[in-house]
């Protein structure tokens, strides 16, 4: 769809490119190797945003293909023995193709005899220890990743090959600018993001965007995790965002608790814009990305910098090895 907003940052430009880029992936022919591999046990591996991609991918796979789908953090895959075996599938998400632990995971899986599938950006140098490789979109031109996440997940949807899911994904893309009004945010806001099942990973991804782009002290929880302890930390400074669904009755516990302690909350439900659960997570990601942009505008923060305009943060970043 055509975006009528004026792009004032690279992050904003990338957010509104996503529907077009997702459709480009969904229109690609499936490689011949995909069908045969759907019959095997599969592991999805990544770090950071790519770990959240792995979690959403595992949920999609379990929902549409087989319960034999698992998500593993790249660091854990390398540091802890994993139960994968020869002929299992290990799908590795790395947009740049340069994150050390994901590349190490590919090497470990390859040595065991697993089929390794790398999902990476166009022109990525990554090819070592990969049986197959899928390209998503052009390389991200800013440190806050958006389009690389959703185009990677578009490849998983394409691989699954369920026309109904693809139809709902297209519907979610057409609604990128819809959703509830964004809450007011200030530099002292305590932003709590909640989600259940696949929506927990939406909450965690959007929390990461808040931390990276707006430098806010945001924190994410799974629905039940929040109820079992962290709920006590919510108070008058908190603003709770619920990536919820009417299909899960445990959200009523959240509503009752937050209303009783008089903490404001907002429910972001894909069903309110006519989307199904199979693609509602994508629309919620879009909404959360736009909320991050809105928060940056409220705070006067440039979402493109990753704080590297501050000398000490720039110096610290340059010394990091990721």
Protein backbone atom coordinates (compact mmCIF):
# COMPACT_ATOMS: atom_id res chain seq x y z
CA UNK A 1 0.00 0.00 0.00
CA UNK A 2 1.09 3.61 -0.51
CA UNK A 3 2.15 5.45 2.62
CA UNK A 4 0.92 9.05 2.72
CA UNK A 5 3.12 10.03 5.68
CA UNK A 6 6.32 12.01 5.12
CA UNK A 7 9.30 9.91 6.18
CA UNK A 8 11.23 11.95 8.74
CA UNK A 9 13.64 9.16 9.70
CA UNK A 10 15.12 6.01 8.22
CA UNK A 11 13.21 3.97 10.80
CA UNK A 12 9.90 5.48 9.68
CA UNK A 13 10.75 4.90 6.03
CA UNK A 14 11.58 1.25 6.73
CA UNK A 15 8.40 0.66 8.74
CA UNK A 16 6.19 1.76 5.88
CA UNK A 17 8.21 -0.17 3.28
CA UNK A 18 7.31 -3.44 4.99
CA UNK A 19 3.98 -4.23 3.26
CA UNK A 20 5.61 -3.94 -0.17
CA UNK A 21 8.66 -5.97 0.87
CA UNK A 22 6.53 -8.68 2.49
CA UNK A 23 4.44 -9.01 -0.66
CA UNK A 24 7.61 -9.34 -2.73
CA UNK A 25 8.70 -12.31 -0.61
CA UNK A 26 5.24 -13.91 -0.71
CA UNK A 27 5.22 -13.66 -4.51
CA UNK A 28 8.52 -15.53 -4.92
CA UNK A 29 8.48 -19.16 -6.09
CA UNK A 30 9.33 -21.68 -3.39
CA UNK A 31 12.68 -23.44 -3.85
CA UNK A 32 12.27 -27.14 -4.65
CA UNK A 33 13.94 -28.24 -1.40
CA UNK A 34 11.27 -26.71 0.84
CA UNK A 35 8.52 -29.35 0.59
CA UNK A 36 10.73 -32.29 1.50
CA UNK A 37 12.16 -30.49 4.53
CA UNK A 38 8.69 -29.80 5.95
CA UNK A 39 8.56 -33.46 6.98
CA UNK A 40 11.47 -33.15 9.41
CA UNK A 41 11.96 -31.76 12.90
CA UNK A 42 12.96 -28.11 12.77
CA UNK A 43 14.85 -25.65 14.96
CA UNK A 44 14.73 -21.88 14.56
CA UNK A 45 17.76 -20.00 15.87
CA UNK A 46 18.56 -16.30 16.28
CA UNK A 47 19.64 -13.53 18.62
CA UNK A 48 18.02 -10.16 19.43
CA UNK A 49 15.23 -9.37 16.99
CA UNK A 50 16.18 -12.55 15.12
CA UNK A 51 15.44 -14.58 18.27
CA UNK A 52 11.94 -13.12 18.34
CA UNK A 53 11.68 -14.06 14.66
CA UNK A 54 12.67 -17.61 15.66
CA UNK A 55 9.95 -17.73 18.32
CA UNK A 56 7.22 -16.46 15.97
CA UNK A 57 8.44 -18.87 13.27
CA UNK A 58 8.23 -21.82 15.67
CA UNK A 59 4.68 -20.80 16.63
CA UNK A 60 3.66 -20.55 12.97
CA UNK A 61 5.24 -23.92 12.19
CA UNK A 62 3.54 -25.64 15.13
CA UNK A 63 0.23 -24.06 14.17
CA UNK A 64 0.36 -24.97 10.48
CA UNK A 65 2.87 -27.79 9.88
CA UNK A 66 4.07 -29.84 12.85
CA UNK A 67 4.49 -29.64 16.62
CA UNK A 68 8.13 -30.67 16.08
CA UNK A 69 9.31 -27.06 15.91
CA UNK A 70 11.58 -25.38 18.45
CA UNK A 71 13.09 -21.92 18.95
CA UNK A 72 16.57 -21.59 20.47
CA UNK A 73 18.63 -18.50 21.26
CA UNK A 74 21.92 -18.49 19.30
CA UNK A 75 23.98 -18.13 22.47
CA UNK A 76 22.22 -21.09 24.10
CA UNK A 77 22.56 -23.16 20.91
CA UNK A 78 26.33 -22.69 21.02
CA UNK A 79 26.93 -22.85 24.77
CA UNK A 80 24.49 -25.63 25.76
CA UNK A 81 24.13 -29.10 24.20
CA UNK A 82 21.03 -29.26 22.01
CA UNK A 83 18.94 -32.36 21.16
CA UNK A 84 19.05 -31.85 17.39
CA UNK A 85 20.41 -34.69 15.28
CA UNK A 86 21.51 -35.53 11.78
CA UNK A 87 18.90 -34.66 9.14
CA UNK A 88 17.02 -32.23 11.42
CA UNK A 89 16.51 -28.75 10.00
CA UNK A 90 18.20 -25.76 11.63
CA UNK A 91 16.95 -22.41 10.37
CA UNK A 92 19.21 -19.51 11.34
CA UNK A 93 18.12 -15.87 11.24
CA UNK A 94 20.85 -13.26 10.81
CA UNK A 95 20.04 -10.16 8.83
CA UNK A 96 23.63 -9.02 8.35
CA UNK A 97 25.11 -12.52 8.27
CA UNK A 98 27.77 -11.37 10.73
CA UNK A 99 26.51 -12.15 14.26
CA UNK A 100 29.14 -14.47 15.71
CA UNK A 101 26.97 -16.81 17.79
CA UNK A 102 24.48 -17.40 14.98
CA UNK A 103 27.32 -18.20 12.57
CA UNK A 104 28.84 -20.50 15.21
CA UNK A 105 25.47 -22.22 15.57
CA UNK A 106 25.40 -22.84 11.82
CA UNK A 107 28.84 -24.43 12.00
CA UNK A 108 27.84 -26.70 14.90
CA UNK A 109 24.64 -27.82 13.17
CA UNK A 110 26.46 -28.39 9.88
CA UNK A 111 29.10 -30.59 11.55
CA UNK A 112 26.40 -32.80 13.08
CA UNK A 113 24.83 -33.27 9.64
CA UNK A 114 21.74 -31.13 10.05
CA UNK A 115 20.32 -29.28 7.07
CA UNK A 116 21.10 -25.60 7.69
CA UNK A 117 18.99 -22.81 6.21
CA UNK A 118 20.26 -19.25 6.54
CA UNK A 119 17.78 -16.37 6.28
CA UNK A 120 19.71 -13.17 5.67
CA UNK A 121 19.69 -9.88 3.78
CA UNK A 122 20.30 -9.31 0.09
CA UNK A 123 24.02 -9.27 -0.63
CA UNK A 124 24.95 -10.74 2.75
CA UNK A 125 28.42 -12.34 2.76
CA UNK A 126 27.14 -15.31 4.77
CA UNK A 127 27.38 -18.66 3.02
CA UNK A 128 29.63 -20.84 5.21
CA UNK A 129 28.03 -23.96 6.70
CA UNK A 130 24.68 -23.31 4.97
CA UNK A 131 22.85 -25.99 3.00
CA UNK A 132 20.38 -23.41 1.70
CA UNK A 133 20.05 -19.64 1.87
CA UNK A 134 17.05 -17.30 1.62
CA UNK A 135 17.39 -13.54 1.10
CA UNK A 136 14.93 -11.16 2.73
CA UNK A 137 15.33 -7.48 1.78
CA UNK A 138 18.07 -4.90 1.33
CA UNK A 139 20.34 -4.54 4.33
CA UNK A 140 18.94 -2.39 7.14
CA UNK A 141 20.38 1.13 6.90
CA UNK A 142 19.84 1.88 10.60
CA UNK A 143 20.42 -0.02 13.84
CA UNK A 144 16.73 -0.35 14.75
CA UNK A 145 15.71 -3.41 12.73
CA UNK A 146 12.15 -3.60 11.35
CA UNK A 147 11.84 -4.79 7.75
CA UNK A 148 14.44 -7.53 8.23
CA UNK A 149 12.22 -9.14 10.90
CA UNK A 150 8.99 -9.11 8.95
CA UNK A 151 10.48 -10.17 5.61
CA UNK A 152 12.25 -13.07 7.33
CA UNK A 153 8.90 -14.16 8.77
CA UNK A 154 7.32 -13.72 5.33
CA UNK A 155 9.73 -16.41 4.10
CA UNK A 156 8.52 -18.74 6.86
CA UNK A 157 4.91 -18.08 5.80
CA UNK A 158 5.91 -18.72 2.18
CA UNK A 159 7.63 -21.97 3.19
CA UNK A 160 4.57 -23.14 5.12
CA UNK A 161 2.53 -22.60 1.97
CA UNK A 162 -0.87 -22.09 3.57
CA UNK A 163 -2.87 -19.85 1.23
CA UNK A 164 -5.28 -18.82 4.01
CA UNK A 165 -2.42 -17.60 6.21
CA UNK A 166 -0.88 -15.74 3.26
CA UNK A 167 -4.24 -14.05 2.63
CA UNK A 168 -4.42 -12.87 6.24
CA UNK A 169 -0.81 -11.63 6.08
CA UNK A 170 -1.77 -9.53 3.07
CA UNK A 171 -4.76 -8.18 5.03
CA UNK A 172 -2.47 -7.23 7.94
CA UNK A 173 -0.18 -5.38 5.51
CA UNK A 174 -3.12 -3.35 4.22
CA UNK A 175 -3.91 -2.20 7.77
CA UNK A 176 -0.46 -0.96 8.79
CA UNK A 177 -1.81 2.51 9.66
CA UNK A 178 -4.79 1.33 11.75
CA UNK A 179 -5.10 0.77 15.48
CA UNK A 180 -5.79 2.56 18.78
CA UNK A 181 -4.37 5.99 19.59
CA UNK A 182 -0.92 5.95 21.17
CA UNK A 183 -0.60 6.70 24.90
CA UNK A 184 1.26 9.75 26.16
CA UNK A 185 4.88 9.02 27.08
CA UNK A 186 7.46 11.03 29.01
CA UNK A 187 11.09 10.37 29.92
CA UNK A 188 10.09 8.89 33.30
CA UNK A 189 7.40 6.58 31.91
CA UNK A 190 7.40 2.96 33.03
CA UNK A 191 6.24 1.18 29.89
CA UNK A 192 5.15 -2.42 30.50
CA UNK A 193 4.39 -4.56 27.46
CA UNK A 194 2.44 -7.80 27.85
CA UNK A 195 1.53 -10.61 25.46
CA UNK A 196 0.35 -14.21 25.48
CA UNK A 197 1.73 -17.09 23.34
CA UNK A 198 2.96 -15.58 20.05
CA UNK A 199 1.96 -12.12 21.27
CA UNK A 200 4.54 -12.37 24.05
CA UNK A 201 7.23 -12.23 21.37
CA UNK A 202 5.53 -9.21 19.84
CA UNK A 203 5.72 -7.54 23.27
CA UNK A 204 9.39 -8.42 23.64
CA UNK A 205 10.25 -7.18 20.14
CA UNK A 206 8.45 -3.87 20.62
CA UNK A 207 10.10 -3.47 24.01
CA UNK A 208 13.47 -3.82 22.28
CA UNK A 209 12.45 -1.11 19.79
CA UNK A 210 11.51 1.21 22.68
CA UNK A 211 14.87 0.62 24.33
CA UNK A 212 16.91 1.04 21.14
CA UNK A 213 15.06 3.93 19.52
CA UNK A 214 13.58 5.93 22.41
CA UNK A 215 16.01 4.89 25.22
CA UNK A 216 13.04 4.20 27.51
CA UNK A 217 13.13 1.81 30.45
CA UNK A 218 10.49 -0.44 28.92
CA UNK A 219 10.02 -4.02 30.13
CA UNK A 220 8.17 -6.99 28.60
CA UNK A 221 6.41 -9.98 30.16
CA UNK A 222 4.31 -12.92 29.15
CA UNK A 223 0.74 -12.63 30.45
CA UNK A 224 1.04 -15.36 33.05
CA UNK A 225 4.60 -14.36 33.95
CA UNK A 226 3.35 -10.86 34.80
CA UNK A 227 0.58 -12.21 37.03
CA UNK A 228 3.05 -14.34 38.99
CA UNK A 229 5.09 -11.55 40.56
CA UNK A 230 6.00 -8.60 38.28
CA UNK A 231 2.43 -7.27 38.61
CA UNK A 232 3.44 -5.90 42.01
CA UNK A 233 5.90 -3.47 40.40
CA UNK A 234 3.19 -1.66 38.40
CA UNK A 235 2.14 1.66 39.92
CA UNK A 236 0.95 5.20 39.05
CA UNK A 237 4.01 5.74 36.83
CA UNK A 238 3.24 2.67 34.70
CA UNK A 239 1.58 2.51 31.32
CA UNK A 240 0.66 -1.06 30.39
CA UNK A 241 0.31 -2.12 26.76
CA UNK A 242 -1.47 -5.45 26.28
CA UNK A 243 -1.03 -7.30 23.00
CA UNK A 244 -4.09 -9.34 23.79
CA UNK A 245 -6.81 -11.42 22.16
CA UNK A 246 -10.42 -12.11 23.16
CA UNK A 247 -9.67 -15.80 22.65
CA UNK A 248 -7.63 -15.91 25.90
CA UNK A 249 -9.76 -15.54 29.04
CA UNK A 250 -6.73 -15.03 31.31
CA UNK A 251 -6.60 -11.41 30.14
CA UNK A 252 -9.59 -10.76 32.39
CA UNK A 253 -7.27 -11.30 35.39
CA UNK A 254 -4.97 -8.59 34.01
CA UNK A 255 -7.89 -6.18 33.51
CA UNK A 256 -9.26 -6.70 37.00
CA UNK A 257 -5.87 -6.32 38.66
CA UNK A 258 -4.85 -3.15 36.80
CA UNK A 259 -8.26 -1.55 37.29
CA UNK A 260 -8.12 -2.27 41.03
CA UNK A 261 -4.68 -0.68 41.47
CA UNK A 262 -5.69 2.17 39.13
CA UNK A 263 -2.94 1.65 36.54
CA UNK A 264 -3.81 2.71 32.97
CA UNK A 265 -3.63 0.05 30.29
CA UNK A 266 -4.35 -0.25 26.58
CA UNK A 267 -5.34 -3.44 24.77
CA UNK A 268 -4.10 -3.79 21.19
CA UNK A 269 -6.28 -6.51 19.64
CA UNK A 270 -6.02 -7.48 15.99
CA UNK A 271 -9.58 -8.75 16.08
CA UNK A 272 -10.73 -5.13 16.46
CA UNK A 273 -9.55 -4.44 12.91
CA UNK A 274 -10.99 -7.67 11.53
CA UNK A 275 -7.83 -9.79 11.49
CA UNK A 276 -7.46 -13.44 12.47
CA UNK A 277 -4.98 -14.80 14.99
CA UNK A 278 -2.90 -16.29 12.15
CA UNK A 279 -1.79 -12.79 11.08
CA UNK A 280 -2.80 -10.57 13.98
CA UNK A 281 0.73 -10.75 15.38
CA UNK A 282 2.06 -8.99 12.26
CA UNK A 283 -0.41 -6.13 12.59
CA UNK A 284 0.50 -5.82 16.29
CA UNK A 285 4.18 -5.56 15.32
CA UNK A 286 3.31 -2.77 12.89
CA UNK A 287 1.32 -0.94 15.57
CA UNK A 288 4.14 -1.33 18.08
CA UNK A 289 6.71 -0.04 15.63
CA UNK A 290 4.56 3.03 14.96
CA UNK A 291 4.05 3.51 18.71
CA UNK A 292 7.84 3.53 19.09
CA UNK A 293 8.07 6.27 16.46
CA UNK A 294 5.35 8.26 18.22
CA UNK A 295 7.19 7.94 21.53
CA UNK A 296 10.38 9.20 19.89
CA UNK A 297 8.49 12.21 18.56
CA UNK A 298 6.99 12.89 22.01
CA UNK A 299 10.44 12.72 23.60
CA UNK A 300 12.31 14.57 20.87
CA UNK A 301 14.55 11.55 20.20
CA UNK A 302 16.02 10.68 16.80
CA UNK A 303 15.25 6.94 16.32
CA UNK A 304 18.10 6.49 13.84
CA UNK A 305 21.06 7.15 16.13
CA UNK A 306 21.19 4.26 18.66
CA UNK A 307 22.55 7.00 20.96
CA UNK A 308 25.80 7.15 18.98
CA UNK A 309 25.50 10.95 18.88
CA UNK A 310 26.63 10.76 22.53
CA UNK A 311 30.41 10.29 22.63
CA UNK A 312 30.56 7.71 25.43
CA UNK A 313 27.86 5.52 23.85
CA UNK A 314 29.57 5.75 20.46
CA UNK A 315 32.91 4.77 22.00
CA UNK A 316 31.35 1.86 23.89
CA UNK A 317 29.54 0.64 20.75
CA UNK A 318 32.74 0.66 18.71
CA UNK A 319 34.39 -1.67 21.24
CA UNK A 320 31.57 -4.24 21.11
CA UNK A 321 31.98 -7.51 19.23
CA UNK A 322 28.59 -8.93 18.25
